[in-house]
Amino acid sequence: MDELFFKALKFVLKWEGGYVNNPNDKGGATNKGITQYTYNNWLKSHCLQPRDVKFITDDEVQQIYYKNYWLKAGCDKMSPKFAILAFDTAVNMGVSRVQQFMKAANWTDIDKFFNAREEKYKEFAKYGNQKIFLKGWLNRLNSLKQFIAEY
């Protein structure tokens, strides 16, 4: 884990917060952005017994984010700005979206990546009760733009 990962993680954790179990959130019980499902899989892969995500440690959070999001999204092979953007996208929208948005951005245009992400949020907001999250998603995206611009 390097300095860039920890800077990106600090941004992500600012937005992911602590323990929540919002019935409208399709991810279910989540702590520091890690769902119970993801935590269970991580514990199992380390031959550990399942436990409530409420009790996830900071070290576990770092390890999960590094292995399951930073490395899987290829952030370790990107320019710093794209790495931060891709990491936050992987955490917030899934690793598979990173490649989708990179393609939309022709692998070089950060603004096109941001636009693709914003459009996907708006698409999500059209379905069921997801509209209640749109303002928060867009606030996060605007904060990320500012964070990357200052980097």
N, C-alpha and C. Protein backbone atom coordinates (compact mmCIF):
# COMPACT_ATOMS: atom_id res chain seq x y z
N MET A 1 0.86 -1.18 0.00
CA MET A 1 0.00 0.00 0.00
C MET A 1 0.90 1.24 0.00
N ASP A 2 0.55 2.18 -0.85
CA ASP A 2 1.39 3.36 -0.97
C ASP A 2 0.64 4.62 -0.54
N GLU A 3 1.36 5.73 -0.58
CA GLU A 3 0.83 7.01 -0.13
C GLU A 3 -0.42 7.43 -0.91
N LEU A 4 -0.42 7.21 -2.22
CA LEU A 4 -1.56 7.57 -3.05
C LEU A 4 -2.81 6.80 -2.63
N PHE A 5 -2.66 5.50 -2.37
CA PHE A 5 -3.80 4.71 -1.91
C PHE A 5 -4.37 5.29 -0.63
N PHE A 6 -3.51 5.66 0.33
CA PHE A 6 -4.00 6.18 1.61
C PHE A 6 -4.69 7.54 1.45
N LYS A 7 -4.22 8.36 0.51
CA LYS A 7 -4.90 9.64 0.25
C LYS A 7 -6.29 9.37 -0.34
N ALA A 8 -6.35 8.45 -1.29
CA ALA A 8 -7.63 8.11 -1.90
C ALA A 8 -8.57 7.49 -0.87
N LEU A 9 -8.02 6.64 -0.02
CA LEU A 9 -8.84 5.99 1.02
C LEU A 9 -9.40 7.02 1.99
N LYS A 10 -8.60 8.01 2.34
CA LYS A 10 -9.07 9.06 3.24
C LYS A 10 -10.29 9.77 2.63
N PHE A 11 -10.23 10.05 1.33
CA PHE A 11 -11.37 10.68 0.66
C PHE A 11 -12.59 9.76 0.72
N VAL A 12 -12.40 8.51 0.36
CA VAL A 12 -13.51 7.54 0.34
C VAL A 12 -14.16 7.42 1.71
N LEU A 13 -13.35 7.29 2.75
CA LEU A 13 -13.91 7.10 4.09
C LEU A 13 -14.67 8.32 4.57
N LYS A 14 -14.29 9.49 4.10
CA LYS A 14 -15.03 10.71 4.44
C LYS A 14 -16.48 10.58 3.98
N TRP A 15 -16.69 9.92 2.84
CA TRP A 15 -18.03 9.80 2.27
C TRP A 15 -18.73 8.52 2.70
N GLU A 16 -17.99 7.51 3.02
CA GLU A 16 -18.62 6.22 3.35
C GLU A 16 -19.13 6.17 4.79
N GLY A 17 -18.51 6.93 5.68
CA GLY A 17 -19.01 7.03 7.05
C GLY A 17 -18.92 5.74 7.84
N GLY A 18 -19.75 5.66 8.87
CA GLY A 18 -19.74 4.52 9.78
C GLY A 18 -20.81 3.49 9.43
N TYR A 19 -21.32 2.85 10.45
CA TYR A 19 -22.28 1.78 10.26
C TYR A 19 -23.65 2.34 9.86
N VAL A 20 -24.22 1.75 8.81
CA VAL A 20 -25.59 2.07 8.39
C VAL A 20 -26.27 0.80 7.90
N ASN A 21 -27.57 0.78 8.05
CA ASN A 21 -28.36 -0.31 7.50
C ASN A 21 -29.68 0.29 6.99
N ASN A 22 -29.55 1.10 5.94
CA ASN A 22 -30.69 1.80 5.36
C ASN A 22 -31.50 0.80 4.52
N PRO A 23 -32.77 0.64 4.82
CA PRO A 23 -33.58 -0.32 4.06
C PRO A 23 -33.69 0.02 2.57
N ASN A 24 -33.43 1.27 2.20
CA ASN A 24 -33.48 1.67 0.79
C ASN A 24 -32.17 1.41 0.06
N ASP A 25 -31.11 1.11 0.81
CA ASP A 25 -29.79 0.86 0.20
C ASP A 25 -29.70 -0.62 -0.16
N LYS A 26 -29.50 -0.89 -1.44
CA LYS A 26 -29.46 -2.27 -1.92
C LYS A 26 -28.28 -3.06 -1.34
N GLY A 27 -27.27 -2.35 -0.82
CA GLY A 27 -26.10 -3.02 -0.25
C GLY A 27 -26.34 -3.62 1.12
N GLY A 28 -27.42 -3.22 1.79
CA GLY A 28 -27.71 -3.73 3.12
C GLY A 28 -26.79 -3.13 4.17
N ALA A 29 -26.58 -3.88 5.25
CA ALA A 29 -25.73 -3.41 6.36
C ALA A 29 -24.32 -3.13 5.83
N THR A 30 -23.83 -1.95 6.19
CA THR A 30 -22.54 -1.47 5.69
C THR A 30 -21.83 -0.71 6.79
N ASN A 31 -20.52 -0.86 6.86
CA ASN A 31 -19.70 -0.09 7.79
C ASN A 31 -18.46 0.38 7.06
N LYS A 32 -18.24 1.70 7.08
CA LYS A 32 -17.11 2.33 6.39
C LYS A 32 -17.11 1.95 4.91
N GLY A 33 -18.31 1.75 4.38
CA GLY A 33 -18.46 1.43 2.97
C GLY A 33 -18.33 -0.04 2.63
N ILE A 34 -18.03 -0.88 3.59
CA ILE A 34 -17.89 -2.32 3.37
C ILE A 34 -19.21 -2.99 3.73
N THR A 35 -19.81 -3.69 2.76
CA THR A 35 -21.07 -4.37 3.03
C THR A 35 -20.82 -5.65 3.84
N GLN A 36 -21.88 -6.11 4.47
CA GLN A 36 -21.78 -7.36 5.23
C GLN A 36 -21.36 -8.49 4.30
N TYR A 37 -21.90 -8.53 3.10
CA TYR A 37 -21.58 -9.56 2.12
C TYR A 37 -20.07 -9.56 1.79
N THR A 38 -19.53 -8.39 1.51
CA THR A 38 -18.10 -8.27 1.19
C THR A 38 -17.25 -8.69 2.39
N TYR A 39 -17.65 -8.25 3.57
CA TYR A 39 -16.90 -8.59 4.78
C TYR A 39 -16.93 -10.10 5.03
N ASN A 40 -18.10 -10.72 4.87
CA ASN A 40 -18.20 -12.18 5.05
C ASN A 40 -17.25 -12.91 4.10
N ASN A 41 -17.22 -12.48 2.84
CA ASN A 41 -16.34 -13.12 1.86
C ASN A 41 -14.87 -12.93 2.22
N TRP A 42 -14.53 -11.74 2.69
CA TRP A 42 -13.14 -11.47 3.07
C TRP A 42 -12.75 -12.35 4.28
N LEU A 43 -13.62 -12.41 5.28
CA LEU A 43 -13.33 -13.24 6.45
C LEU A 43 -13.16 -14.70 6.04
N LYS A 44 -14.05 -15.19 5.21
CA LYS A 44 -13.98 -16.58 4.75
C LYS A 44 -12.67 -16.85 4.01
N SER A 45 -12.24 -15.90 3.17
CA SER A 45 -11.00 -16.07 2.41
C SER A 45 -9.76 -16.11 3.31
N HIS A 46 -9.92 -15.63 4.55
CA HIS A 46 -8.84 -15.66 5.53
C HIS A 46 -9.08 -16.71 6.62
N CYS A 47 -10.00 -17.64 6.32
CA CYS A 47 -10.34 -18.74 7.24
C CYS A 47 -10.77 -18.23 8.61
N LEU A 48 -11.52 -17.13 8.61
CA LEU A 48 -12.03 -16.54 9.85
C LEU A 48 -13.54 -16.72 9.92
N GLN A 49 -14.05 -16.77 11.13
CA GLN A 49 -15.48 -16.93 11.35
C GLN A 49 -16.21 -15.63 11.00
N PRO A 50 -17.43 -15.76 10.48
CA PRO A 50 -18.23 -14.56 10.18
C PRO A 50 -18.50 -13.76 11.45
N ARG A 51 -18.57 -12.45 11.28
CA ARG A 51 -18.98 -11.58 12.38
C ARG A 51 -19.62 -10.34 11.78
N ASP A 52 -20.33 -9.64 12.59
CA ASP A 52 -21.09 -8.47 12.15
C ASP A 52 -20.14 -7.40 11.64
N VAL A 53 -20.50 -6.80 10.50
CA VAL A 53 -19.69 -5.75 9.90
C VAL A 53 -19.57 -4.53 10.82
N LYS A 54 -20.43 -4.43 11.81
CA LYS A 54 -20.31 -3.34 12.80
C LYS A 54 -18.93 -3.36 13.47
N PHE A 55 -18.33 -4.55 13.52
CA PHE A 55 -17.08 -4.72 14.27
C PHE A 55 -15.85 -4.80 13.39
N ILE A 56 -15.96 -4.41 12.12
CA ILE A 56 -14.82 -4.44 11.22
C ILE A 56 -13.73 -3.49 11.75
N THR A 57 -12.48 -3.91 11.64
CA THR A 57 -11.38 -3.08 12.13
C THR A 57 -10.85 -2.17 11.02
N ASP A 58 -10.14 -1.12 11.39
CA ASP A 58 -9.56 -0.23 10.40
C ASP A 58 -8.57 -0.97 9.51
N ASP A 59 -7.82 -1.90 10.08
CA ASP A 59 -6.87 -2.68 9.29
C ASP A 59 -7.60 -3.54 8.26
N GLU A 60 -8.70 -4.15 8.66
CA GLU A 60 -9.49 -4.96 7.72
C GLU A 60 -10.05 -4.08 6.60
N VAL A 61 -10.53 -2.90 6.96
CA VAL A 61 -11.06 -1.96 5.97
C VAL A 61 -9.98 -1.63 4.94
N GLN A 62 -8.79 -1.31 5.42
CA GLN A 62 -7.68 -0.98 4.51
C GLN A 62 -7.35 -2.15 3.59
N GLN A 63 -7.27 -3.33 4.15
CA GLN A 63 -6.93 -4.51 3.35
C GLN A 63 -7.99 -4.80 2.29
N ILE A 64 -9.25 -4.72 2.68
CA ILE A 64 -10.34 -4.99 1.74
C ILE A 64 -10.35 -3.95 0.62
N TYR A 65 -10.23 -2.69 0.98
CA TYR A 65 -10.23 -1.65 -0.04
C TYR A 65 -9.02 -1.77 -0.97
N TYR A 66 -7.89 -2.13 -0.42
CA TYR A 66 -6.69 -2.24 -1.26
C TYR A 66 -6.81 -3.41 -2.23
N LYS A 67 -7.15 -4.57 -1.73
CA LYS A 67 -7.19 -5.77 -2.57
C LYS A 67 -8.41 -5.80 -3.48
N ASN A 68 -9.58 -5.54 -2.91
CA ASN A 68 -10.83 -5.73 -3.65
C ASN A 68 -11.23 -4.56 -4.55
N TYR A 69 -10.63 -3.39 -4.30
CA TYR A 69 -11.03 -2.22 -5.08
C TYR A 69 -9.84 -1.55 -5.77
N TRP A 70 -8.82 -1.17 -5.02
CA TRP A 70 -7.66 -0.48 -5.59
C TRP A 70 -6.97 -1.36 -6.65
N LEU A 71 -6.60 -2.56 -6.26
CA LEU A 71 -5.90 -3.44 -7.20
C LEU A 71 -6.82 -3.98 -8.29
N LYS A 72 -8.03 -4.40 -7.92
CA LYS A 72 -8.95 -4.96 -8.93
C LYS A 72 -9.36 -3.94 -9.98
N ALA A 73 -9.43 -2.67 -9.61
CA ALA A 73 -9.78 -1.62 -10.57
C ALA A 73 -8.55 -1.18 -11.38
N GLY A 74 -7.37 -1.66 -11.00
CA GLY A 74 -6.14 -1.29 -11.72
C GLY A 74 -5.59 0.07 -11.35
N CYS A 75 -5.99 0.59 -10.20
CA CYS A 75 -5.55 1.92 -9.79
C CYS A 75 -4.04 2.02 -9.63
N ASP A 76 -3.41 0.91 -9.30
CA ASP A 76 -1.96 0.89 -9.12
C ASP A 76 -1.21 1.11 -10.44
N LYS A 77 -1.93 1.06 -11.55
CA LYS A 77 -1.30 1.23 -12.88
C LYS A 77 -1.74 2.52 -13.56
N MET A 78 -2.44 3.38 -12.84
CA MET A 78 -3.00 4.61 -13.43
C MET A 78 -2.24 5.84 -12.95
N SER A 79 -2.46 6.93 -13.67
CA SER A 79 -1.95 8.23 -13.20
C SER A 79 -2.63 8.53 -11.87
N PRO A 80 -2.03 9.36 -11.04
CA PRO A 80 -2.62 9.63 -9.72
C PRO A 80 -4.07 10.12 -9.77
N LYS A 81 -4.38 11.05 -10.64
CA LYS A 81 -5.75 11.58 -10.69
C LYS A 81 -6.75 10.51 -11.11
N PHE A 82 -6.41 9.75 -12.15
CA PHE A 82 -7.30 8.67 -12.58
C PHE A 82 -7.41 7.59 -11.50
N ALA A 83 -6.31 7.33 -10.80
CA ALA A 83 -6.33 6.31 -9.74
C ALA A 83 -7.31 6.69 -8.64
N ILE A 84 -7.29 7.92 -8.21
CA ILE A 84 -8.21 8.39 -7.16
C ILE A 84 -9.65 8.31 -7.67
N LEU A 85 -9.87 8.78 -8.88
CA LEU A 85 -11.21 8.76 -9.47
C LEU A 85 -11.72 7.33 -9.64
N ALA A 86 -10.88 6.47 -10.15
CA ALA A 86 -11.27 5.08 -10.38
C ALA A 86 -11.54 4.35 -9.07
N PHE A 87 -10.71 4.61 -8.06
CA PHE A 87 -10.89 3.96 -6.76
C PHE A 87 -12.23 4.36 -6.15
N ASP A 88 -12.52 5.64 -6.12
CA ASP A 88 -13.78 6.08 -5.55
C ASP A 88 -14.96 5.52 -6.34
N THR A 89 -14.82 5.45 -7.64
CA THR A 89 -15.88 4.87 -8.48
C THR A 89 -16.07 3.40 -8.16
N ALA A 90 -14.98 2.66 -8.03
CA ALA A 90 -15.06 1.23 -7.73
C ALA A 90 -15.77 1.00 -6.40
N VAL A 91 -15.44 1.81 -5.40
CA VAL A 91 -16.07 1.67 -4.09
C VAL A 91 -17.56 2.03 -4.17
N ASN A 92 -17.87 3.11 -4.81
CA ASN A 92 -19.23 3.63 -4.81
C ASN A 92 -20.15 2.95 -5.81
N MET A 93 -19.58 2.45 -6.93
CA MET A 93 -20.44 1.94 -8.00
C MET A 93 -20.05 0.55 -8.48
N GLY A 94 -18.97 0.01 -7.98
CA GLY A 94 -18.52 -1.32 -8.39
C GLY A 94 -17.32 -1.26 -9.33
N VAL A 95 -16.46 -2.24 -9.20
CA VAL A 95 -15.23 -2.29 -9.98
C VAL A 95 -15.52 -2.33 -11.48
N SER A 96 -16.57 -3.04 -11.87
CA SER A 96 -16.87 -3.18 -13.31
C SER A 96 -17.19 -1.84 -13.96
N ARG A 97 -17.72 -0.90 -13.21
CA ARG A 97 -18.05 0.41 -13.77
C ARG A 97 -16.78 1.18 -14.16
N VAL A 98 -15.67 0.92 -13.49
CA VAL A 98 -14.44 1.65 -13.79
C VAL A 98 -14.07 1.47 -15.26
N GLN A 99 -14.05 0.23 -15.72
CA GLN A 99 -13.69 -0.01 -17.12
C GLN A 99 -14.72 0.60 -18.07
N GLN A 100 -15.97 0.53 -17.70
CA GLN A 100 -17.03 1.13 -18.52
C GLN A 100 -16.79 2.64 -18.68
N PHE A 101 -16.48 3.31 -17.57
CA PHE A 101 -16.27 4.76 -17.61
C PHE A 101 -14.93 5.12 -18.25
N MET A 102 -13.92 4.27 -18.06
CA MET A 102 -12.63 4.51 -18.71
C MET A 102 -12.81 4.46 -20.23
N LYS A 103 -13.59 3.53 -20.70
CA LYS A 103 -13.85 3.43 -22.13
C LYS A 103 -14.59 4.68 -22.62
N ALA A 104 -15.59 5.12 -21.87
CA ALA A 104 -16.34 6.33 -22.23
C ALA A 104 -15.43 7.55 -22.26
N ALA A 105 -14.37 7.51 -21.48
CA ALA A 105 -13.41 8.62 -21.39
C ALA A 105 -12.23 8.45 -22.33
N ASN A 106 -12.32 7.46 -23.20
CA ASN A 106 -11.21 7.16 -24.11
C ASN A 106 -9.90 6.96 -23.36
N TRP A 107 -9.98 6.50 -22.15
CA TRP A 107 -8.85 6.19 -21.27
C TRP A 107 -7.96 7.39 -20.95
N THR A 108 -8.39 8.59 -21.32
CA THR A 108 -7.53 9.75 -21.09
C THR A 108 -8.25 11.00 -20.60
N ASP A 109 -9.56 11.07 -20.76
CA ASP A 109 -10.29 12.31 -20.49
C ASP A 109 -11.08 12.22 -19.18
N ILE A 110 -10.52 12.84 -18.15
CA ILE A 110 -11.15 12.79 -16.81
C ILE A 110 -12.56 13.38 -16.83
N ASP A 111 -12.75 14.48 -17.57
CA ASP A 111 -14.08 15.10 -17.62
C ASP A 111 -15.12 14.15 -18.20
N LYS A 112 -14.76 13.40 -19.21
CA LYS A 112 -15.70 12.43 -19.80
C LYS A 112 -16.01 11.31 -18.80
N PHE A 113 -15.02 10.93 -18.01
CA PHE A 113 -15.23 9.91 -16.97
C PHE A 113 -16.25 10.44 -15.95
N PHE A 114 -16.02 11.67 -15.48
CA PHE A 114 -16.96 12.28 -14.53
C PHE A 114 -18.36 12.36 -15.13
N ASN A 115 -18.46 12.75 -16.39
CA ASN A 115 -19.77 12.86 -17.03
C ASN A 115 -20.47 11.51 -17.12
N ALA A 116 -19.72 10.47 -17.45
CA ALA A 116 -20.30 9.13 -17.54
C ALA A 116 -20.81 8.68 -16.17
N ARG A 117 -20.05 9.00 -15.14
CA ARG A 117 -20.46 8.62 -13.78
C ARG A 117 -21.73 9.38 -13.37
N GLU A 118 -21.75 10.67 -13.66
CA GLU A 118 -22.93 11.46 -13.32
C GLU A 118 -24.17 10.95 -14.06
N GLU A 119 -24.03 10.62 -15.32
CA GLU A 119 -25.16 10.09 -16.08
C GLU A 119 -25.65 8.76 -15.51
N LYS A 120 -24.73 7.92 -15.05
CA LYS A 120 -25.12 6.64 -14.45
C LYS A 120 -25.89 6.87 -13.15
N TYR A 121 -25.45 7.86 -12.34
CA TYR A 121 -26.20 8.20 -11.13
C TYR A 121 -27.63 8.61 -11.49
N LYS A 122 -27.76 9.44 -12.50
CA LYS A 122 -29.09 9.91 -12.90
C LYS A 122 -29.95 8.75 -13.40
N GLU A 123 -29.32 7.81 -14.06
CA GLU A 123 -30.04 6.62 -14.50
C GLU A 123 -30.51 5.80 -13.30
N PHE A 124 -29.61 5.59 -12.32
CA PHE A 124 -29.98 4.86 -11.10
C PHE A 124 -31.17 5.51 -10.41
N ALA A 125 -31.19 6.85 -10.39
CA ALA A 125 -32.21 7.60 -9.65
C ALA A 125 -33.60 7.44 -10.27
N LYS A 126 -33.67 6.93 -11.47
CA LYS A 126 -34.96 6.74 -12.13
C LYS A 126 -35.69 5.51 -11.60
N TYR A 127 -34.98 4.64 -10.89
CA TYR A 127 -35.55 3.36 -10.49
C TYR A 127 -35.92 3.33 -9.02
N GLY A 128 -37.15 2.97 -8.76
CA GLY A 128 -37.62 2.75 -7.39
C GLY A 128 -37.31 3.90 -6.46
N ASN A 129 -36.79 3.53 -5.32
CA ASN A 129 -36.52 4.51 -4.26
C ASN A 129 -35.09 5.05 -4.29
N GLN A 130 -34.35 4.83 -5.37
CA GLN A 130 -32.95 5.26 -5.44
C GLN A 130 -32.80 6.77 -5.60
N LYS A 131 -33.87 7.45 -6.00
CA LYS A 131 -33.81 8.90 -6.20
C LYS A 131 -33.39 9.64 -4.92
N ILE A 132 -33.70 9.07 -3.78
CA ILE A 132 -33.35 9.73 -2.52
C ILE A 132 -31.84 9.85 -2.33
N PHE A 133 -31.06 9.08 -3.07
CA PHE A 133 -29.60 9.11 -2.94
C PHE A 133 -28.93 10.05 -3.94
N LEU A 134 -29.66 10.55 -4.94
CA LEU A 134 -29.05 11.31 -6.02
C LEU A 134 -28.30 12.55 -5.54
N LYS A 135 -28.89 13.33 -4.67
CA LYS A 135 -28.23 14.56 -4.20
C LYS A 135 -26.90 14.21 -3.51
N GLY A 136 -26.89 13.20 -2.67
CA GLY A 136 -25.66 12.79 -2.00
C GLY A 136 -24.61 12.29 -2.98
N TRP A 137 -25.04 11.52 -3.98
CA TRP A 137 -24.11 11.02 -5.00
C TRP A 137 -23.47 12.18 -5.75
N LEU A 138 -24.30 13.16 -6.13
CA LEU A 138 -23.76 14.30 -6.88
C LEU A 138 -22.87 15.17 -6.00
N ASN A 139 -23.21 15.31 -4.72
CA ASN A 139 -22.33 16.04 -3.80
C ASN A 139 -20.98 15.35 -3.69
N ARG A 140 -20.99 14.04 -3.61
CA ARG A 140 -19.74 13.27 -3.54
C ARG A 140 -18.93 13.49 -4.82
N LEU A 141 -19.59 13.44 -5.95
CA LEU A 141 -18.91 13.61 -7.23
C LEU A 141 -18.28 15.00 -7.33
N ASN A 142 -19.01 16.02 -6.92
CA ASN A 142 -18.47 17.38 -6.95
C ASN A 142 -17.28 17.53 -5.99
N SER A 143 -17.38 16.91 -4.83
CA SER A 143 -16.27 16.94 -3.89
C SER A 143 -15.05 16.22 -4.46
N LEU A 144 -15.29 15.13 -5.16
CA LEU A 144 -14.20 14.38 -5.78
C LEU A 144 -13.53 15.22 -6.87
N LYS A 145 -14.31 15.92 -7.67
CA LYS A 145 -13.73 16.82 -8.69
C LYS A 145 -12.79 17.83 -8.05
N GLN A 146 -13.24 18.40 -6.96
CA GLN A 146 -12.43 19.41 -6.25
C GLN A 146 -11.17 18.76 -5.66
N PHE A 147 -11.32 17.60 -5.07
CA PHE A 147 -10.20 16.89 -4.45
C PHE A 147 -9.13 16.57 -5.50
N ILE A 148 -9.57 16.09 -6.66
CA ILE A 148 -8.63 15.75 -7.72
C ILE A 148 -7.98 16.99 -8.31
N ALA A 149 -8.75 18.06 -8.45
CA ALA A 149 -8.20 19.32 -9.00
C ALA A 149 -7.11 19.87 -8.10
N GLU A 150 -7.24 19.67 -6.80
CA GLU A 150 -6.25 20.16 -5.83
C GLU A 150 -5.06 19.23 -5.70
N TYR A 151 -5.18 18.03 -6.24
CA TYR A 151 -4.11 17.05 -6.07
C TYR A 151 -2.91 17.39 -6.92
